[in-house]
Amino acid sequence: MGEKEELIRIKKALQNNIGKKVRLTARKGRKKSIVRQGIIEETFPSIFIVKLEGTLGQSGVSRRVSYSYTDILTKAIEVARC
C-alpha cells in the first residue's frame, strides 16, 4: 500500500471517530512519551483536532491541539479508542 493510500485510510478512520474518546500517546524522545485522553473534534484536509481533557495537572481544564495525519503515519503519535 502506498503512502498516499495509507494517509487516506488514516483520515477516514479518524473521521469515523469524531466525537469519540481517544487516548493519544505522543513520542517526545527515545524513552519519553506523553499519554493523554481527549475527544476528536474535527478533521480537515491536512490536520485533525483533539480536545484534551484535564491537561497540565489541572482538573476540569481542557485544551485543543492539532496533529497532522503524517504524525500517525510516522508514528510520532498513536491514537487508540478508549
PDB file of N, CA and C in Angstrom:
ATOM      1  N   MET A   1       0.855  -1.174   0.000  1.00  0.00           N
ATOM      2  CA  MET A   1       0.000   0.000   0.000  1.00  0.00           C
ATOM      3  C   MET A   1       0.899   1.234   0.000  1.00  0.00           C
ATOM      4  N   GLY A   2       0.581   2.206  -0.836  1.00  0.00           N
ATOM      5  CA  GLY A   2       1.371   3.421  -0.939  1.00  0.00           C
ATOM      6  C   GLY A   2       1.106   4.378   0.211  1.00  0.00           C
ATOM      7  N   GLU A   3       1.987   5.331   0.319  1.00  0.00           N
ATOM      8  CA  GLU A   3       1.874   6.313   1.406  1.00  0.00           C
ATOM      9  C   GLU A   3       0.588   7.128   1.296  1.00  0.00           C
ATOM     10  N   LYS A   4       0.224   7.521   0.078  1.00  0.00           N
ATOM     11  CA  LYS A   4      -0.985   8.325  -0.111  1.00  0.00           C
ATOM     12  C   LYS A   4      -2.241   7.547   0.293  1.00  0.00           C
ATOM     13  N   GLU A   5      -2.300   6.288  -0.090  1.00  0.00           N
ATOM     14  CA  GLU A   5      -3.455   5.462   0.281  1.00  0.00           C
ATOM     15  C   GLU A   5      -3.522   5.267   1.787  1.00  0.00           C
ATOM     16  N   GLU A   6      -2.360   5.137   2.419  1.00  0.00           N
ATOM     17  CA  GLU A   6      -2.321   4.973   3.871  1.00  0.00           C
ATOM     18  C   GLU A   6      -2.822   6.238   4.575  1.00  0.00           C
ATOM     19  N   LEU A   7      -2.446   7.408   4.067  1.00  0.00           N
ATOM     20  CA  LEU A   7      -2.929   8.667   4.650  1.00  0.00           C
ATOM     21  C   LEU A   7      -4.442   8.801   4.500  1.00  0.00           C
ATOM     22  N   ILE A   8      -4.982   8.382   3.369  1.00  0.00           N
ATOM     23  CA  ILE A   8      -6.429   8.422   3.150  1.00  0.00           C
ATOM     24  C   ILE A   8      -7.129   7.483   4.127  1.00  0.00           C
ATOM     25  N   ARG A   9      -6.553   6.298   4.357  1.00  0.00           N
ATOM     26  CA  ARG A   9      -7.133   5.340   5.311  1.00  0.00           C
ATOM     27  C   ARG A   9      -7.124   5.906   6.727  1.00  0.00           C
ATOM     28  N   ILE A  10      -6.031   6.560   7.107  1.00  0.00           N
ATOM     29  CA  ILE A  10      -5.934   7.168   8.442  1.00  0.00           C
ATOM     30  C   ILE A  10      -6.982   8.265   8.597  1.00  0.00           C
ATOM     31  N   LYS A  11      -7.127   9.109   7.586  1.00  0.00           N
ATOM     32  CA  LYS A  11      -8.101  10.202   7.649  1.00  0.00           C
ATOM     33  C   LYS A  11      -9.529   9.674   7.779  1.00  0.00           C
ATOM     34  N   LYS A  12      -9.873   8.647   7.022  1.00  0.00           N
ATOM     35  CA  LYS A  12     -11.222   8.074   7.098  1.00  0.00           C
ATOM     36  C   LYS A  12     -11.486   7.459   8.467  1.00  0.00           C
ATOM     37  N   ALA A  13     -10.469   6.794   9.016  1.00  0.00           N
ATOM     38  CA  ALA A  13     -10.628   6.187  10.342  1.00  0.00           C
ATOM     39  C   ALA A  13     -10.876   7.262  11.394  1.00  0.00           C
ATOM     40  N   LEU A  14     -10.174   8.384  11.300  1.00  0.00           N
ATOM     41  CA  LEU A  14     -10.386   9.467  12.260  1.00  0.00           C
ATOM     42  C   LEU A  14     -11.743  10.131  12.057  1.00  0.00           C
ATOM     43  N   GLN A  15     -12.174  10.296  10.810  1.00  0.00           N
ATOM     44  CA  GLN A  15     -13.492  10.881  10.541  1.00  0.00           C
ATOM     45  C   GLN A  15     -14.604  10.019  11.127  1.00  0.00           C
ATOM     46  N   ASN A  16     -14.432   8.718  11.113  1.00  0.00           N
ATOM     47  CA  ASN A  16     -15.434   7.815  11.674  1.00  0.00           C
ATOM     48  C   ASN A  16     -15.482   7.867  13.195  1.00  0.00           C
ATOM     49  N   ASN A  17     -14.465   8.445  13.816  1.00  0.00           N
ATOM     50  CA  ASN A  17     -14.401   8.511  15.278  1.00  0.00           C
ATOM     51  C   ASN A  17     -14.570   9.921  15.822  1.00  0.00           C
ATOM     52  N   ILE A  18     -15.087  10.842  15.018  1.00  0.00           N
ATOM     53  CA  ILE A  18     -15.339  12.201  15.506  1.00  0.00           C
ATOM     54  C   ILE A  18     -16.355  12.126  16.640  1.00  0.00           C
ATOM     55  N   GLY A  19     -16.042  12.808  17.739  1.00  0.00           N
ATOM     56  CA  GLY A  19     -16.921  12.819  18.894  1.00  0.00           C
ATOM     57  C   GLY A  19     -16.672  11.685  19.871  1.00  0.00           C
ATOM     58  N   LYS A  20     -15.747  10.816  19.553  1.00  0.00           N
ATOM     59  CA  LYS A  20     -15.462   9.678  20.425  1.00  0.00           C
ATOM     60  C   LYS A  20     -14.176   9.912  21.211  1.00  0.00           C
ATOM     61  N   LYS A  21     -14.109   9.286  22.374  1.00  0.00           N
ATOM     62  CA  LYS A  21     -12.971   9.441  23.261  1.00  0.00           C
ATOM     63  C   LYS A  21     -11.806   8.588  22.767  1.00  0.00           C
ATOM     64  N   VAL A  22     -10.601   9.203  22.755  1.00  0.00           N
ATOM     65  CA  VAL A  22      -9.398   8.507  22.308  1.00  0.00           C
ATOM     66  C   VAL A  22      -8.256   8.724  23.298  1.00  0.00           C
ATOM     67  N   ARG A  23      -7.272   7.867  23.202  1.00  0.00           N
ATOM     68  CA  ARG A  23      -6.054   8.002  24.004  1.00  0.00           C
ATOM     69  C   ARG A  23      -4.917   8.333  23.036  1.00  0.00           C
ATOM     70  N   LEU A  24      -4.231   9.447  23.266  1.00  0.00           N
ATOM     71  CA  LEU A  24      -3.108   9.864  22.436  1.00  0.00           C
ATOM     72  C   LEU A  24      -1.807   9.568  23.162  1.00  0.00           C
ATOM     73  N   THR A  25      -0.887   8.946  22.476  1.00  0.00           N
ATOM     74  CA  THR A  25       0.449   8.722  23.007  1.00  0.00           C
ATOM     75  C   THR A  25       1.409   9.456  22.091  1.00  0.00           C
ATOM     76  N   ALA A  26       2.036  10.515  22.618  1.00  0.00           N
ATOM     77  CA  ALA A  26       2.964  11.326  21.833  1.00  0.00           C
ATOM     78  C   ALA A  26       4.393  10.970  22.220  1.00  0.00           C
ATOM     79  N   ARG A  27       5.197  10.669  21.237  1.00  0.00           N
ATOM     80  CA  ARG A  27       6.607  10.356  21.468  1.00  0.00           C
ATOM     81  C   ARG A  27       7.383  11.667  21.583  1.00  0.00           C
ATOM     82  N   LYS A  28       8.113  11.832  22.675  1.00  0.00           N
ATOM     83  CA  LYS A  28       8.865  13.061  22.919  1.00  0.00           C
ATOM     84  C   LYS A  28      10.368  12.813  23.009  1.00  0.00           C
ATOM     85  N   GLY A  29      10.817  11.705  22.565  1.00  0.00           N
ATOM     86  CA  GLY A  29      12.225  11.375  22.614  1.00  0.00           C
ATOM     87  C   GLY A  29      12.398   9.876  22.568  1.00  0.00           C
ATOM     88  N   ARG A  30      13.603   9.421  22.798  1.00  0.00           N
ATOM     89  CA  ARG A  30      13.849   7.977  22.710  1.00  0.00           C
ATOM     90  C   ARG A  30      13.044   7.181  23.719  1.00  0.00           C
ATOM     91  N   LYS A  31      13.036   7.646  24.957  1.00  0.00           N
ATOM     92  CA  LYS A  31      12.375   6.876  26.010  1.00  0.00           C
ATOM     93  C   LYS A  31      11.233   7.619  26.683  1.00  0.00           C
ATOM     94  N   LYS A  32      10.894   8.783  26.175  1.00  0.00           N
ATOM     95  CA  LYS A  32       9.857   9.588  26.819  1.00  0.00           C
ATOM     96  C   LYS A  32       8.629   9.688  25.925  1.00  0.00           C
ATOM     97  N   SER A  33       7.487   9.437  26.525  1.00  0.00           N
ATOM     98  CA  SER A  33       6.223   9.612  25.808  1.00  0.00           C
ATOM     99  C   SER A  33       5.187  10.170  26.777  1.00  0.00           C
ATOM    100  N   ILE A  34       4.234  10.889  26.208  1.00  0.00           N
ATOM    101  CA  ILE A  34       3.171  11.503  26.996  1.00  0.00           C
ATOM    102  C   ILE A  34       1.846  10.885  26.566  1.00  0.00           C
ATOM    103  N   VAL A  35       1.059  10.449  27.536  1.00  0.00           N
ATOM    104  CA  VAL A  35      -0.241   9.839  27.248  1.00  0.00           C
ATOM    105  C   VAL A  35      -1.327  10.775  27.752  1.00  0.00           C
ATOM    106  N   ARG A  36      -2.270  11.105  26.864  1.00  0.00           N
ATOM    107  CA  ARG A  36      -3.393  11.970  27.216  1.00  0.00           C
ATOM    108  C   ARG A  36      -4.666  11.403  26.623  1.00  0.00           C
ATOM    109  N   GLN A  37      -5.795  11.799  27.215  1.00  0.00           N
ATOM    110  CA  GLN A  37      -7.092  11.384  26.682  1.00  0.00           C
ATOM    111  C   GLN A  37      -7.834  12.613  26.190  1.00  0.00           C
ATOM    112  N   GLY A  38      -8.627  12.410  25.161  1.00  0.00           N
ATOM    113  CA  GLY A  38      -9.387  13.520  24.606  1.00  0.00           C
ATOM    114  C   GLY A  38     -10.456  13.021  23.658  1.00  0.00           C
ATOM    115  N   ILE A  39     -11.080  13.970  22.974  1.00  0.00           N
ATOM    116  CA  ILE A  39     -12.157  13.678  22.036  1.00  0.00           C
ATOM    117  C   ILE A  39     -11.797  14.292  20.687  1.00  0.00           C
ATOM    118  N   ILE A  40     -11.930  13.507  19.631  1.00  0.00           N
ATOM    119  CA  ILE A  40     -11.663  14.031  18.292  1.00  0.00           C
ATOM    120  C   ILE A  40     -12.800  14.984  17.938  1.00  0.00           C
ATOM    121  N   GLU A  41     -12.451  16.252  17.676  1.00  0.00           N
ATOM    122  CA  GLU A  41     -13.466  17.263  17.383  1.00  0.00           C
ATOM    123  C   GLU A  41     -13.731  17.431  15.890  1.00  0.00           C
ATOM    124  N   GLU A  42     -12.672  17.609  15.109  1.00  0.00           N
ATOM    125  CA  GLU A  42     -12.841  17.892  13.686  1.00  0.00           C
ATOM    126  C   GLU A  42     -11.694  17.297  12.894  1.00  0.00           C
ATOM    127  N   THR A  43     -11.959  17.063  11.603  1.00  0.00           N
ATOM    128  CA  THR A  43     -10.899  16.679  10.687  1.00  0.00           C
ATOM    129  C   THR A  43     -10.901  17.661   9.520  1.00  0.00           C
ATOM    130  N   PHE A  44      -9.731  17.948   9.033  1.00  0.00           N
ATOM    131  CA  PHE A  44      -9.531  18.846   7.902  1.00  0.00           C
ATOM    132  C   PHE A  44      -8.662  18.126   6.883  1.00  0.00           C
ATOM    133  N   PRO A  45      -8.441  18.712   5.710  1.00  0.00           N
ATOM    134  CA  PRO A  45      -7.644  18.004   4.698  1.00  0.00           C
ATOM    135  C   PRO A  45      -6.246  17.580   5.158  1.00  0.00           C
ATOM    136  N   SER A  46      -5.590  18.370   6.004  1.00  0.00           N
ATOM    137  CA  SER A  46      -4.221  18.037   6.402  1.00  0.00           C
ATOM    138  C   SER A  46      -4.052  17.739   7.889  1.00  0.00           C
ATOM    139  N   ILE A  47      -5.010  18.177   8.710  1.00  0.00           N
ATOM    140  CA  ILE A  47      -4.869  18.024  10.164  1.00  0.00           C
ATOM    141  C   ILE A  47      -6.169  17.545  10.780  1.00  0.00           C
ATOM    142  N   PHE A  48      -6.074  17.132  12.054  1.00  0.00           N
ATOM    143  CA  PHE A  48      -7.270  16.848  12.846  1.00  0.00           C
ATOM    144  C   PHE A  48      -7.077  17.475  14.213  1.00  0.00           C
ATOM    145  N   ILE A  49      -8.194  17.796  14.877  1.00  0.00           N
ATOM    146  CA  ILE A  49      -8.163  18.499  16.162  1.00  0.00           C
ATOM    147  C   ILE A  49      -8.723  17.598  17.252  1.00  0.00           C
ATOM    148  N   VAL A  50      -8.008  17.573  18.378  1.00  0.00           N
ATOM    149  CA  VAL A  50      -8.414  16.774  19.532  1.00  0.00           C
ATOM    150  C   VAL A  50      -8.552  17.713  20.728  1.00  0.00           C
ATOM    151  N   LYS A  51      -9.660  17.600  21.439  1.00  0.00           N
ATOM    152  CA  LYS A  51      -9.860  18.361  22.668  1.00  0.00           C
ATOM    153  C   LYS A  51      -9.389  17.482  23.821  1.00  0.00           C
ATOM    154  N   LEU A  52      -8.280  17.882  24.443  1.00  0.00           N
ATOM    155  CA  LEU A  52      -7.703  17.111  25.542  1.00  0.00           C
ATOM    156  C   LEU A  52      -8.432  17.422  26.833  1.00  0.00           C
ATOM    157  N   GLU A  53      -8.497  16.444  27.708  1.00  0.00           N
ATOM    158  CA  GLU A  53      -9.187  16.606  28.985  1.00  0.00           C
ATOM    159  C   GLU A  53      -8.188  16.717  30.121  1.00  0.00           C
ATOM    160  N   GLY A  54      -8.386  17.704  30.991  1.00  0.00           N
ATOM    161  CA  GLY A  54      -7.611  17.833  32.217  1.00  0.00           C
ATOM    162  C   GLY A  54      -6.110  17.857  32.001  1.00  0.00           C
ATOM    163  N   THR A  55      -5.619  18.711  31.135  1.00  0.00           N
ATOM    164  CA  THR A  55      -4.188  18.792  30.878  1.00  0.00           C
ATOM    165  C   THR A  55      -3.497  19.649  31.925  1.00  0.00           C
ATOM    166  N   LEU A  56      -2.209  19.547  31.966  1.00  0.00           N
ATOM    167  CA  LEU A  56      -1.356  20.338  32.860  1.00  0.00           C
ATOM    168  C   LEU A  56      -1.671  20.127  34.328  1.00  0.00           C
ATOM    169  N   GLY A  57      -2.166  18.967  34.686  1.00  0.00           N
ATOM    170  CA  GLY A  57      -2.413  18.645  36.083  1.00  0.00           C
ATOM    171  C   GLY A  57      -3.577  19.384  36.701  1.00  0.00           C
ATOM    172  N   GLN A  58      -4.362  20.082  35.916  1.00  0.00           N
ATOM    173  CA  GLN A  58      -5.498  20.832  36.436  1.00  0.00           C
ATOM    174  C   GLN A  58      -6.781  20.098  36.070  1.00  0.00           C
ATOM    175  N   SER A  59      -7.572  19.810  37.059  1.00  0.00           N
ATOM    176  CA  SER A  59      -8.819  19.111  36.769  1.00  0.00           C
ATOM    177  C   SER A  59      -9.822  20.075  36.147  1.00  0.00           C
ATOM    178  N   GLY A  60     -10.536  19.601  35.158  1.00  0.00           N
ATOM    179  CA  GLY A  60     -11.571  20.398  34.524  1.00  0.00           C
ATOM    180  C   GLY A  60     -11.080  21.337  33.446  1.00  0.00           C
ATOM    181  N   VAL A  61      -9.777  21.478  33.273  1.00  0.00           N
ATOM    182  CA  VAL A  61      -9.242  22.370  32.248  1.00  0.00           C
ATOM    183  C   VAL A  61      -8.961  21.544  31.001  1.00  0.00           C
ATOM    184  N   SER A  62      -9.457  21.998  29.862  1.00  0.00           N
ATOM    185  CA  SER A  62      -9.216  21.274  28.622  1.00  0.00           C
ATOM    186  C   SER A  62      -8.510  22.184  27.623  1.00  0.00           C
ATOM    187  N   ARG A  63      -7.867  21.561  26.655  1.00  0.00           N
ATOM    188  CA  ARG A  63      -7.089  22.286  25.668  1.00  0.00           C
ATOM    189  C   ARG A  63      -7.264  21.606  24.319  1.00  0.00           C
ATOM    190  N   ARG A  64      -7.279  22.387  23.255  1.00  0.00           N
ATOM    191  CA  ARG A  64      -7.387  21.833  21.905  1.00  0.00           C
ATOM    192  C   ARG A  64      -6.012  21.784  21.258  1.00  0.00           C
ATOM    193  N   VAL A  65      -5.684  20.659  20.648  1.00  0.00           N
ATOM    194  CA  VAL A  65      -4.421  20.500  19.941  1.00  0.00           C
ATOM    195  C   VAL A  65      -4.696  19.948  18.546  1.00  0.00           C
ATOM    196  N   SER A  66      -3.797  20.233  17.633  1.00  0.00           N
ATOM    197  CA  SER A  66      -3.951  19.709  16.279  1.00  0.00           C
ATOM    198  C   SER A  66      -2.738  18.860  15.930  1.00  0.00           C
ATOM    199  N   TYR A  67      -2.986  17.844  15.135  1.00  0.00           N
ATOM    200  CA  TYR A  67      -1.947  16.945  14.652  1.00  0.00           C
ATOM    201  C   TYR A  67      -2.184  16.713  13.173  1.00  0.00           C
ATOM    202  N   SER A  68      -1.128  16.376  12.466  1.00  0.00           N
ATOM    203  CA  SER A  68      -1.285  16.032  11.056  1.00  0.00           C
ATOM    204  C   SER A  68      -1.418  14.517  10.923  1.00  0.00           C
ATOM    205  N   TYR A  69      -1.962  14.094   9.803  1.00  0.00           N
ATOM    206  CA  TYR A  69      -2.116  12.667   9.560  1.00  0.00           C
ATOM    207  C   TYR A  69      -0.751  11.996   9.409  1.00  0.00           C
ATOM    208  N   THR A  70       0.244  12.749   8.961  1.00  0.00           N
ATOM    209  CA  THR A  70       1.587  12.183   8.831  1.00  0.00           C
ATOM    210  C   THR A  70       2.212  11.906  10.200  1.00  0.00           C
ATOM    211  N   ASP A  71       1.740  12.584  11.259  1.00  0.00           N
ATOM    212  CA  ASP A  71       2.212  12.267  12.612  1.00  0.00           C
ATOM    213  C   ASP A  71       1.868  10.822  12.974  1.00  0.00           C
ATOM    214  N   ILE A  72       0.713  10.363  12.542  1.00  0.00           N
ATOM    215  CA  ILE A  72       0.318   8.978  12.802  1.00  0.00           C
ATOM    216  C   ILE A  72       1.103   8.038  11.894  1.00  0.00           C
ATOM    217  N   LEU A  73       1.263   8.433  10.626  1.00  0.00           N
ATOM    218  CA  LEU A  73       1.984   7.603   9.669  1.00  0.00           C
ATOM    219  C   LEU A  73       3.433   7.383  10.088  1.00  0.00           C
ATOM    220  N   THR A  74       4.069   8.432  10.615  1.00  0.00           N
ATOM    221  CA  THR A  74       5.473   8.336  11.032  1.00  0.00           C
ATOM    222  C   THR A  74       5.619   7.854  12.476  1.00  0.00           C
ATOM    223  N   LYS A  75       4.498   7.566  13.128  1.00  0.00           N
ATOM    224  CA  LYS A  75       4.458   7.060  14.488  1.00  0.00           C
ATOM    225  C   LYS A  75       4.989   8.056  15.520  1.00  0.00           C
ATOM    226  N   ALA A  76       4.866   9.355  15.219  1.00  0.00           N
ATOM    227  CA  ALA A  76       5.191  10.381  16.201  1.00  0.00           C
ATOM    228  C   ALA A  76       4.111  10.391  17.283  1.00  0.00           C
ATOM    229  N   ILE A  77       2.866  10.038  16.899  1.00  0.00           N
ATOM    230  CA  ILE A  77       1.778   9.862  17.847  1.00  0.00           C
ATOM    231  C   ILE A  77       1.036   8.575  17.524  1.00  0.00           C
ATOM    232  N   GLU A  78       0.372   8.044  18.533  1.00  0.00           N
ATOM    233  CA  GLU A  78      -0.514   6.899  18.349  1.00  0.00           C
ATOM    234  C   GLU A  78      -1.875   7.284  18.890  1.00  0.00           C
ATOM    235  N   VAL A  79      -2.913   6.895  18.191  1.00  0.00           N
ATOM    236  CA  VAL A  79      -4.281   7.184  18.589  1.00  0.00           C
ATOM    237  C   VAL A  79      -5.007   5.867  18.778  1.00  0.00           C
ATOM    238  N   ALA A  80      -5.633   5.691  19.939  1.00  0.00           N
ATOM    239  CA  ALA A  80      -6.406   4.472  20.217  1.00  0.00           C
ATOM    240  C   ALA A  80      -7.708   4.860  20.895  1.00  0.00           C
ATOM    241  N   ARG A  81      -8.791   4.184  20.546  1.00  0.00           N
ATOM    242  CA  ARG A  81     -10.078   4.445  21.192  1.00  0.00           C
ATOM    243  C   ARG A  81     -10.053   3.939  22.620  1.00  0.00           C
ATOM    244  N   CYS A  82     -10.704   4.686  23.490  1.00  0.00           N
ATOM    245  CA  CYS A  82     -10.808   4.297  24.914  1.00  0.00           C
ATOM    246  C   CYS A  82     -11.999   3.393  25.112  1.00  0.00           C
TER     247      CYS A  82
END
